[in-house]
Every structure is written in C-alpha cells, then in structure tokens.
Amino acid sequence: MPEIRHTPQAPTRTQTLAAGQSIDAHRHDDHQIIYAGSGVLAVTTDAGTWFAPGTRAIWVPAGCVHAHRAHGHLDLHLLGIPATVNPLRLDAPAVLTVSPLLRELILECTRDGGLDGPERRRLRAVLLDQIKVSPQQPLPLPAPRDARLRTVCGLLHDNPADSRTLAELGHAAGAGERTLSRLFRRELGMTFPQWRTQLRLYHALRLLAADEPVTAVAHRCGWASTSAFIDVFRRAFGRTPGTHNSRP
C-alpha cells in the first residue's frame, strides 16, 4: 500500500489545478473546507467520492484520508480549520451549499495565504457561522465493497448510459436482483435508482466541465431526453446544466 502523505496543518491558500490534474491521497490533523469557483472538484476517500460544482464546497474532517481531482480548470480555495472547531459536528465528508455571502467569505479568508489579523479573525468567525447553517447536499457517490456490487457499479461507471435493469446487470455479476438491491441499501445507503442517478450526475458534471454540449451530455449519461436531464440537474444543483460553469 502506498504511503499516505501526512500534512498536520491543513493549509489555507488558493491553488490552481489544470483539467485532469490531481492531488494524491493525504490527511491533515485539521478540518478543511475545499471550494472551487469553476470546474468540478472531486474528493475521494475509501468510502466514495464527493463532487461539487462551483455552487458547492466540500467539508473534509480532520484525519480523513482524501485525494482531489480536477474536472475542468479549478481555482481551488483551501481553508484549514482547527480540529477543536467543528461547526458542522461532522466526522465524515459533506457537500455544502455555498451562498453568495459564504463564497465571498471563503475568497477573502483564503486570499494572501490566509494571513492572520484582527479583521481576518472576525471574517473567519462569520464564515464559521455561515458554514454552521449551510445546507448539506446529498452528493456523495459511495464506493461498494462487495465484489458483486463492484461489478455492477463498474459496468455503469464504464457506461453511465447503460439502461439495463438491476436484474439484467445481475447476470454479469452472478447475483440476483433482490441480493443486489439489499447490498445497495446496506453498503451504499441508497437504492439502485438513486445510486445510478448520482453516478450519471457525476459523469454529467465531468462532461460539462469539458465543455460538452448539454444535449450530448444528456445522451451520453443515459437520460431519455434533454429536458429530463435539465430537470434532474436543476433539482440537484439549483441551476441548469447550461449555466453551471458560470461563477456565482
């Protein structure tokens, strides 16, 4: 197993990542807020992948081993928070809604490497209050452990437009529909249709970050129509796929 990089203090800074660039697995002794004002950020742990467009940020708790990947150009804003301060009372990653106010606070608090001072400390206090009331978004893509479930999920990762039913996919995995359905609920905490929708949204974000046309994305990710894709996307992210690359 490769050695996990340990950086005790979570950095507060800005960082640019090119499309496809990644930051390898590491951990901090602090909590961290990660925000990308453009493109799509994916944070992966052993438990799965959390993904966020520019209207979302990702909370990574202290001690959590995680890796980053950029889909599209990212202007990352990294904000370290002491382990003794946990406004969300969470010990697992989460995706947070970024309001216009929270966005400006993140941008200001990460500017100049997060230099300290009375004004900056006051802004951080307001930022922590905003994080505390920021709605959490159900945007994880949980990772399966069971080999049969990994087979099914792998098939759909390779082709998110695959329209086979769970029973049909089960033939390739050597498992029945009922068994797989139980595994989805037990291991991933969601139904098969819910997981497939999350997967398709994740792939859609990646394609949109690469400037693929909305109609092509809808087709490649398995939606029956462009309008159906737009509806699901809007309900998940609060904006249409044609505008998601624009900054708030």
C-alpha atoms as a PDB file:
ATOM      1  CA  MET A   1       0.000   0.000   0.000  1.00  0.00           C
ATOM      2  CA  PRO A   2       1.449   3.416  -0.915  1.00  0.00           C
ATOM      3  CA  GLU A   3       2.403   5.651   1.984  1.00  0.00           C
ATOM      4  CA  ILE A   4      -0.225   8.262   2.831  1.00  0.00           C
ATOM      5  CA  ARG A   5       1.178  11.763   2.978  1.00  0.00           C
ATOM      6  CA  HIS A   6       0.567  13.442   6.335  1.00  0.00           C
ATOM      7  CA  THR A   7       0.438  17.239   6.471  1.00  0.00           C
ATOM      8  CA  PRO A   8      -0.511  18.041  10.070  1.00  0.00           C
ATOM      9  CA  GLN A   9      -1.767  21.569   9.401  1.00  0.00           C
ATOM     10  CA  ALA A  10      -4.426  21.896   6.711  1.00  0.00           C
ATOM     11  CA  PRO A  11      -3.280  24.774   4.502  1.00  0.00           C
ATOM     12  CA  THR A  12      -5.245  27.949   3.947  1.00  0.00           C
ATOM     13  CA  ARG A  13      -4.429  29.171   0.457  1.00  0.00           C
ATOM     14  CA  THR A  14      -5.508  29.321  -3.165  1.00  0.00           C
ATOM     15  CA  GLN A  15      -4.244  26.816  -5.714  1.00  0.00           C
ATOM     16  CA  THR A  16      -4.838  26.303  -9.423  1.00  0.00           C
ATOM     17  CA  LEU A  17      -5.366  22.834 -10.885  1.00  0.00           C
ATOM     18  CA  ALA A  18      -5.498  22.169 -14.620  1.00  0.00           C
ATOM     19  CA  ALA A  19      -8.171  19.877 -16.050  1.00  0.00           C
ATOM     20  CA  GLY A  20      -7.348  16.286 -15.117  1.00  0.00           C
ATOM     21  CA  GLN A  21      -4.756  17.270 -12.528  1.00  0.00           C
ATOM     22  CA  SER A  22      -4.951  15.606  -9.121  1.00  0.00           C
ATOM     23  CA  ILE A  23      -3.572  15.824  -5.588  1.00  0.00           C
ATOM     24  CA  ASP A  24      -2.625  12.428  -4.210  1.00  0.00           C
ATOM     25  CA  ALA A  25      -4.054  10.863  -1.055  1.00  0.00           C
ATOM     26  CA  HIS A  26      -3.156  12.706   2.130  1.00  0.00           C
ATOM     27  CA  ARG A  27      -4.529  13.656   5.523  1.00  0.00           C
ATOM     28  CA  HIS A  28      -4.449  16.583   7.937  1.00  0.00           C
ATOM     29  CA  ASP A  29      -4.875  16.936  11.673  1.00  0.00           C
ATOM     30  CA  ASP A  30      -7.193  19.889  10.964  1.00  0.00           C
ATOM     31  CA  HIS A  31     -10.556  20.086   9.277  1.00  0.00           C
ATOM     32  CA  GLN A  32     -10.656  21.650   5.823  1.00  0.00           C
ATOM     33  CA  ILE A  33     -13.143  23.413   3.567  1.00  0.00           C
ATOM     34  CA  ILE A  34     -12.382  22.994  -0.147  1.00  0.00           C
ATOM     35  CA  TYR A  35     -14.090  25.268  -2.661  1.00  0.00           C
ATOM     36  CA  ALA A  36     -13.628  25.565  -6.413  1.00  0.00           C
ATOM     37  CA  GLY A  37     -15.177  28.584  -8.051  1.00  0.00           C
ATOM     38  CA  SER A  38     -15.026  26.975 -11.501  1.00  0.00           C
ATOM     39  CA  GLY A  39     -14.963  23.466 -12.940  1.00  0.00           C
ATOM     40  CA  VAL A  40     -15.881  20.434 -10.857  1.00  0.00           C
ATOM     41  CA  LEU A  41     -13.995  19.252  -7.796  1.00  0.00           C
ATOM     42  CA  ALA A  42     -13.986  15.570  -6.838  1.00  0.00           C
ATOM     43  CA  VAL A  43     -12.751  14.478  -3.407  1.00  0.00           C
ATOM     44  CA  THR A  44     -12.273  10.739  -2.998  1.00  0.00           C
ATOM     45  CA  THR A  45     -11.893   8.696   0.199  1.00  0.00           C
ATOM     46  CA  ASP A  46     -12.139   4.974   0.928  1.00  0.00           C
ATOM     47  CA  ALA A  47     -15.884   5.479   1.399  1.00  0.00           C
ATOM     48  CA  GLY A  48     -16.522   7.009  -2.017  1.00  0.00           C
ATOM     49  CA  THR A  49     -16.382  10.257  -3.978  1.00  0.00           C
ATOM     50  CA  TRP A  50     -17.895  13.636  -3.145  1.00  0.00           C
ATOM     51  CA  PHE A  51     -18.264  16.017  -6.055  1.00  0.00           C
ATOM     52  CA  ALA A  52     -19.022  19.713  -6.173  1.00  0.00           C
ATOM     53  CA  PRO A  53     -19.508  22.315  -8.907  1.00  0.00           C
ATOM     54  CA  GLY A  54     -18.887  25.997  -8.236  1.00  0.00           C
ATOM     55  CA  THR A  55     -22.016  26.422  -6.126  1.00  0.00           C
ATOM     56  CA  ARG A  56     -20.857  23.843  -3.579  1.00  0.00           C
ATOM     57  CA  ALA A  57     -17.946  23.296  -1.191  1.00  0.00           C
ATOM     58  CA  ILE A  58     -16.672  20.099   0.406  1.00  0.00           C
ATOM     59  CA  TRP A  59     -16.055  19.644   4.130  1.00  0.00           C
ATOM     60  CA  VAL A  60     -13.206  17.225   4.909  1.00  0.00           C
ATOM     61  CA  PRO A  61     -12.894  16.325   8.608  1.00  0.00           C
ATOM     62  CA  ALA A  62      -9.605  16.046  10.470  1.00  0.00           C
ATOM     63  CA  GLY A  63      -7.783  12.760   9.926  1.00  0.00           C
ATOM     64  CA  CYS A  64      -9.747  11.805   6.798  1.00  0.00           C
ATOM     65  CA  VAL A  65      -7.504  10.420   4.039  1.00  0.00           C
ATOM     66  CA  HIS A  66      -8.583  12.066   0.795  1.00  0.00           C
ATOM     67  CA  ALA A  67      -7.450  12.866  -2.742  1.00  0.00           C
ATOM     68  CA  HIS A  68      -8.532  15.664  -5.100  1.00  0.00           C
ATOM     69  CA  ARG A  69      -9.161  15.590  -8.831  1.00  0.00           C
ATOM     70  CA  ALA A  70      -9.970  18.481 -11.163  1.00  0.00           C
ATOM     71  CA  HIS A  71     -12.579  18.193 -13.875  1.00  0.00           C
ATOM     72  CA  GLY A  72     -12.120  21.350 -15.879  1.00  0.00           C
ATOM     73  CA  HIS A  73      -9.878  24.203 -14.729  1.00  0.00           C
ATOM     74  CA  LEU A  74     -10.081  24.702 -10.938  1.00  0.00           C
ATOM     75  CA  ASP A  75      -9.285  27.756  -8.866  1.00  0.00           C
ATOM     76  CA  LEU A  76      -9.151  25.962  -5.535  1.00  0.00           C
ATOM     77  CA  HIS A  77      -9.675  27.771  -2.251  1.00  0.00           C
ATOM     78  CA  LEU A  78      -8.440  25.724   0.710  1.00  0.00           C
ATOM     79  CA  LEU A  79      -9.374  26.758   4.234  1.00  0.00           C
ATOM     80  CA  GLY A  80      -7.912  24.985   7.268  1.00  0.00           C
ATOM     81  CA  ILE A  81      -9.986  24.868  10.460  1.00  0.00           C
ATOM     82  CA  PRO A  82      -8.551  23.686  13.817  1.00  0.00           C
ATOM     83  CA  ALA A  83      -9.688  20.216  14.861  1.00  0.00           C
ATOM     84  CA  THR A  84     -11.106  21.716  18.063  1.00  0.00           C
ATOM     85  CA  VAL A  85     -13.531  23.803  15.991  1.00  0.00           C
ATOM     86  CA  ASN A  86     -16.236  21.781  14.248  1.00  0.00           C
ATOM     87  CA  PRO A  87     -19.193  23.969  13.276  1.00  0.00           C
ATOM     88  CA  LEU A  88     -20.899  21.077  11.475  1.00  0.00           C
ATOM     89  CA  ARG A  89     -20.271  18.432  14.172  1.00  0.00           C
ATOM     90  CA  LEU A  90     -19.423  16.002  11.381  1.00  0.00           C
ATOM     91  CA  ASP A  91     -16.736  13.326  11.261  1.00  0.00           C
ATOM     92  CA  ALA A  92     -17.329  12.433   7.593  1.00  0.00           C
ATOM     93  CA  PRO A  93     -17.048  14.469   4.377  1.00  0.00           C
ATOM     94  CA  ALA A  94     -20.043  16.508   3.281  1.00  0.00           C
ATOM     95  CA  VAL A  95     -21.042  18.765   0.390  1.00  0.00           C
ATOM     96  CA  LEU A  96     -22.271  22.197   1.402  1.00  0.00           C
ATOM     97  CA  THR A  97     -24.300  24.830  -0.395  1.00  0.00           C
ATOM     98  CA  VAL A  98     -22.246  27.988  -0.956  1.00  0.00           C
ATOM     99  CA  SER A  99     -24.352  31.130  -0.696  1.00  0.00           C
ATOM    100  CA  PRO A 100     -23.089  34.372  -2.263  1.00  0.00           C
ATOM    101  CA  LEU A 101     -22.072  35.571   1.226  1.00  0.00           C
ATOM    102  CA  LEU A 102     -20.241  32.352   2.095  1.00  0.00           C
ATOM    103  CA  ARG A 103     -18.464  32.440  -1.264  1.00  0.00           C
ATOM    104  CA  GLU A 104     -17.130  35.945  -0.656  1.00  0.00           C
ATOM    105  CA  LEU A 105     -16.023  34.982   2.855  1.00  0.00           C
ATOM    106  CA  ILE A 106     -14.136  31.943   1.536  1.00  0.00           C
ATOM    107  CA  LEU A 107     -12.455  34.030  -1.156  1.00  0.00           C
ATOM    108  CA  GLU A 108     -11.400  36.704   1.320  1.00  0.00           C
ATOM    109  CA  CYS A 109     -10.212  34.304   4.043  1.00  0.00           C
ATOM    110  CA  THR A 110      -8.040  32.338   1.607  1.00  0.00           C
ATOM    111  CA  ARG A 111      -6.527  35.395  -0.037  1.00  0.00           C
ATOM    112  CA  ASP A 112      -2.813  36.065   0.662  1.00  0.00           C
ATOM    113  CA  GLY A 113      -2.394  32.632   2.207  1.00  0.00           C
ATOM    114  CA  GLY A 114      -4.929  33.348   4.928  1.00  0.00           C
ATOM    115  CA  LEU A 115      -2.768  35.943   6.690  1.00  0.00           C
ATOM    116  CA  ASP A 116      -3.845  36.481  10.277  1.00  0.00           C
ATOM    117  CA  GLY A 117      -5.023  39.737  11.827  1.00  0.00           C
ATOM    118  CA  PRO A 118      -7.986  41.178  13.775  1.00  0.00           C
ATOM    119  CA  GLU A 119     -10.093  41.827  10.663  1.00  0.00           C
ATOM    120  CA  ARG A 120      -9.350  38.383   9.183  1.00  0.00           C
ATOM    121  CA  ARG A 121     -10.235  36.685  12.511  1.00  0.00           C
ATOM    122  CA  ARG A 122     -13.567  38.489  12.568  1.00  0.00           C
ATOM    123  CA  LEU A 123     -14.284  37.368   8.999  1.00  0.00           C
ATOM    124  CA  ARG A 124     -13.379  33.767   9.884  1.00  0.00           C
ATOM    125  CA  ALA A 125     -15.817  33.891  12.796  1.00  0.00           C
ATOM    126  CA  VAL A 126     -18.608  34.982  10.433  1.00  0.00           C
ATOM    127  CA  LEU A 127     -17.514  32.303   7.939  1.00  0.00           C
ATOM    128  CA  LEU A 128     -17.798  29.590  10.616  1.00  0.00           C
ATOM    129  CA  ASP A 129     -21.291  30.848  11.491  1.00  0.00           C
ATOM    130  CA  GLN A 130     -22.257  30.635   7.811  1.00  0.00           C
ATOM    131  CA  ILE A 131     -20.853  27.104   7.494  1.00  0.00           C
ATOM    132  CA  LYS A 132     -22.883  26.054  10.519  1.00  0.00           C
ATOM    133  CA  VAL A 133     -26.154  26.993   8.784  1.00  0.00           C
ATOM    134  CA  SER A 134     -25.128  25.977   5.249  1.00  0.00           C
ATOM    135  CA  PRO A 135     -27.468  23.258   3.924  1.00  0.00           C
ATOM    136  CA  GLN A 136     -25.776  19.919   3.294  1.00  0.00           C
ATOM    137  CA  GLN A 137     -26.305  18.421  -0.158  1.00  0.00           C
ATOM    138  CA  PRO A 138     -26.683  14.670  -0.826  1.00  0.00           C
ATOM    139  CA  LEU A 139     -23.933  14.481  -3.424  1.00  0.00           C
ATOM    140  CA  PRO A 140     -21.718  11.533  -2.495  1.00  0.00           C
ATOM    141  CA  LEU A 141     -21.033   8.631  -4.814  1.00  0.00           C
ATOM    142  CA  PRO A 142     -20.448   5.804  -2.295  1.00  0.00           C
ATOM    143  CA  ALA A 143     -17.904   3.107  -3.143  1.00  0.00           C
ATOM    144  CA  PRO A 144     -19.012  -0.564  -2.942  1.00  0.00           C
ATOM    145  CA  ARG A 145     -17.052  -3.262  -1.117  1.00  0.00           C
ATOM    146  CA  ASP A 146     -18.905  -6.426  -2.125  1.00  0.00           C
ATOM    147  CA  ALA A 147     -17.371  -7.934  -5.278  1.00  0.00           C
ATOM    148  CA  ARG A 148     -20.767  -8.437  -6.935  1.00  0.00           C
ATOM    149  CA  LEU A 149     -21.727  -4.849  -6.259  1.00  0.00           C
ATOM    150  CA  ARG A 150     -18.354  -3.628  -7.545  1.00  0.00           C
ATOM    151  CA  THR A 151     -19.006  -5.486 -10.804  1.00  0.00           C
ATOM    152  CA  VAL A 152     -22.387  -3.821 -11.309  1.00  0.00           C
ATOM    153  CA  CYS A 153     -21.089  -0.381 -10.367  1.00  0.00           C
ATOM    154  CA  GLY A 154     -18.041  -0.837 -12.596  1.00  0.00           C
ATOM    155  CA  LEU A 155     -20.232  -1.594 -15.609  1.00  0.00           C
ATOM    156  CA  LEU A 156     -22.165   1.615 -15.077  1.00  0.00           C
ATOM    157  CA  HIS A 157     -19.041   3.669 -14.424  1.00  0.00           C
ATOM    158  CA  ASP A 158     -17.734   2.488 -17.786  1.00  0.00           C
ATOM    159  CA  ASN A 159     -21.020   3.339 -19.497  1.00  0.00           C
ATOM    160  CA  PRO A 160     -23.426   5.524 -17.477  1.00  0.00           C
ATOM    161  CA  ALA A 161     -25.910   5.362 -20.377  1.00  0.00           C
ATOM    162  CA  ASP A 162     -26.292   1.597 -19.863  1.00  0.00           C
ATOM    163  CA  SER A 163     -30.059   1.191 -19.426  1.00  0.00           C
ATOM    164  CA  ARG A 164     -30.089  -2.412 -18.224  1.00  0.00           C
ATOM    165  CA  THR A 165     -32.212  -3.187 -15.198  1.00  0.00           C
ATOM    166  CA  LEU A 166     -30.663  -4.356 -11.939  1.00  0.00           C
ATOM    167  CA  ALA A 167     -31.791  -7.890 -12.738  1.00  0.00           C
ATOM    168  CA  GLU A 168     -30.073  -7.762 -16.130  1.00  0.00           C
ATOM    169  CA  LEU A 169     -26.893  -6.331 -14.652  1.00  0.00           C
ATOM    170  CA  GLY A 170     -27.033  -9.034 -12.009  1.00  0.00           C
ATOM    171  CA  HIS A 171     -26.453 -11.713 -14.637  1.00  0.00           C
ATOM    172  CA  ALA A 172     -22.991 -10.262 -15.280  1.00  0.00           C
ATOM    173  CA  ALA A 173     -22.276 -10.090 -11.555  1.00  0.00           C
ATOM    174  CA  GLY A 174     -23.568 -13.544 -10.685  1.00  0.00           C
ATOM    175  CA  ALA A 175     -26.144 -12.205  -8.251  1.00  0.00           C
ATOM    176  CA  GLY A 176     -29.921 -11.890  -8.180  1.00  0.00           C
ATOM    177  CA  GLU A 177     -31.868  -8.651  -8.200  1.00  0.00           C
ATOM    178  CA  ARG A 178     -33.012  -8.995  -4.582  1.00  0.00           C
ATOM    179  CA  THR A 179     -29.495  -9.655  -3.335  1.00  0.00           C
ATOM    180  CA  LEU A 180     -28.093  -6.666  -5.194  1.00  0.00           C
ATOM    181  CA  SER A 181     -30.947  -4.453  -4.045  1.00  0.00           C
ATOM    182  CA  ARG A 182     -30.182  -5.337  -0.415  1.00  0.00           C
ATOM    183  CA  LEU A 183     -26.475  -4.685  -0.991  1.00  0.00           C
ATOM    184  CA  PHE A 184     -27.141  -1.240  -2.441  1.00  0.00           C
ATOM    185  CA  ARG A 185     -29.141  -0.270   0.628  1.00  0.00           C
ATOM    186  CA  ARG A 186     -26.797  -1.878   3.145  1.00  0.00           C
ATOM    187  CA  GLU A 187     -23.415  -0.815   1.707  1.00  0.00           C
ATOM    188  CA  LEU A 188     -24.222   2.387  -0.162  1.00  0.00           C
ATOM    189  CA  GLY A 189     -27.155   3.688   1.857  1.00  0.00           C
ATOM    190  CA  MET A 190     -29.353   4.235  -1.175  1.00  0.00           C
ATOM    191  CA  THR A 191     -31.434   2.370  -3.722  1.00  0.00           C
ATOM    192  CA  PHE A 192     -30.078   1.280  -7.084  1.00  0.00           C
ATOM    193  CA  PRO A 193     -32.005   4.004  -8.984  1.00  0.00           C
ATOM    194  CA  GLN A 194     -30.702   6.642  -6.544  1.00  0.00           C
ATOM    195  CA  TRP A 195     -27.111   5.481  -6.955  1.00  0.00           C
ATOM    196  CA  ARG A 196     -27.409   5.372 -10.748  1.00  0.00           C
ATOM    197  CA  THR A 197     -28.766   8.926 -10.776  1.00  0.00           C
ATOM    198  CA  GLN A 198     -25.829  10.096  -8.624  1.00  0.00           C
ATOM    199  CA  LEU A 199     -23.414   8.356 -10.978  1.00  0.00           C
ATOM    200  CA  ARG A 200     -24.995   9.968 -14.022  1.00  0.00           C
ATOM    201  CA  LEU A 201     -24.886  13.397 -12.389  1.00  0.00           C
ATOM    202  CA  TYR A 202     -21.199  12.901 -11.568  1.00  0.00           C
ATOM    203  CA  HIS A 203     -20.387  11.963 -15.161  1.00  0.00           C
ATOM    204  CA  ALA A 204     -22.547  14.827 -16.435  1.00  0.00           C
ATOM    205  CA  LEU A 205     -20.580  17.329 -14.346  1.00  0.00           C
ATOM    206  CA  ARG A 206     -17.308  15.953 -15.713  1.00  0.00           C
ATOM    207  CA  LEU A 207     -18.506  16.248 -19.308  1.00  0.00           C
ATOM    208  CA  LEU A 208     -19.947  19.727 -18.820  1.00  0.00           C
ATOM    209  CA  ALA A 209     -16.640  20.850 -17.275  1.00  0.00           C
ATOM    210  CA  ALA A 210     -15.019  19.718 -20.540  1.00  0.00           C
ATOM    211  CA  ASP A 211     -17.474  21.983 -22.443  1.00  0.00           C
ATOM    212  CA  GLU A 212     -19.553  19.162 -23.915  1.00  0.00           C
ATOM    213  CA  PRO A 213     -22.948  20.379 -25.252  1.00  0.00           C
ATOM    214  CA  VAL A 214     -25.878  19.797 -22.904  1.00  0.00           C
ATOM    215  CA  THR A 215     -27.742  17.603 -25.397  1.00  0.00           C
ATOM    216  CA  ALA A 216     -24.693  15.387 -25.904  1.00  0.00           C
ATOM    217  CA  VAL A 217     -24.179  15.087 -22.139  1.00  0.00           C
ATOM    218  CA  ALA A 218     -27.793  14.042 -21.626  1.00  0.00           C
ATOM    219  CA  HIS A 219     -27.423  11.332 -24.268  1.00  0.00           C
ATOM    220  CA  ARG A 220     -24.037  10.058 -23.076  1.00  0.00           C
ATOM    221  CA  CYS A 221     -25.206   9.840 -19.474  1.00  0.00           C
ATOM    222  CA  GLY A 222     -28.388   7.924 -20.222  1.00  0.00           C
ATOM    223  CA  TRP A 223     -31.242  10.387 -19.854  1.00  0.00           C
ATOM    224  CA  ALA A 224     -34.230   9.745 -22.091  1.00  0.00           C
ATOM    225  CA  SER A 225     -34.401  13.396 -23.123  1.00  0.00           C
ATOM    226  CA  THR A 226     -32.534  16.644 -22.694  1.00  0.00           C
ATOM    227  CA  SER A 227     -35.447  18.146 -20.776  1.00  0.00           C
ATOM    228  CA  ALA A 228     -35.409  15.242 -18.295  1.00  0.00           C
ATOM    229  CA  PHE A 229     -31.678  15.784 -17.740  1.00  0.00           C
ATOM    230  CA  ILE A 230     -32.137  19.526 -17.215  1.00  0.00           C
ATOM    231  CA  ASP A 231     -34.884  18.896 -14.658  1.00  0.00           C
ATOM    232  CA  VAL A 232     -32.820  16.417 -12.609  1.00  0.00           C
ATOM    233  CA  PHE A 233     -29.729  18.631 -12.815  1.00  0.00           C
ATOM    234  CA  ARG A 234     -31.610  21.727 -11.677  1.00  0.00           C
ATOM    235  CA  ARG A 235     -33.092  19.912  -8.687  1.00  0.00           C
ATOM    236  CA  ALA A 236     -29.648  18.610  -7.689  1.00  0.00           C
ATOM    237  CA  PHE A 237     -27.579  21.785  -8.178  1.00  0.00           C
ATOM    238  CA  GLY A 238     -30.008  24.696  -8.185  1.00  0.00           C
ATOM    239  CA  ARG A 239     -29.137  25.786 -11.733  1.00  0.00           C
ATOM    240  CA  THR A 240     -29.398  24.454 -15.265  1.00  0.00           C
ATOM    241  CA  PRO A 241     -26.536  22.494 -16.864  1.00  0.00           C
ATOM    242  CA  GLY A 242     -26.065  25.235 -19.446  1.00  0.00           C
ATOM    243  CA  THR A 243     -25.142  27.768 -16.721  1.00  0.00           C
ATOM    244  CA  HIS A 244     -23.345  25.623 -14.143  1.00  0.00           C
ATOM    245  CA  ASN A 245     -19.852  26.612 -15.357  1.00  0.00           C
ATOM    246  CA  SER A 246     -20.517  30.268 -14.674  1.00  0.00           C
ATOM    247  CA  ARG A 247     -19.339  31.592 -11.343  1.00  0.00           C
ATOM    248  CA  PRO A 248     -21.934  32.577  -8.739  1.00  0.00           C
END
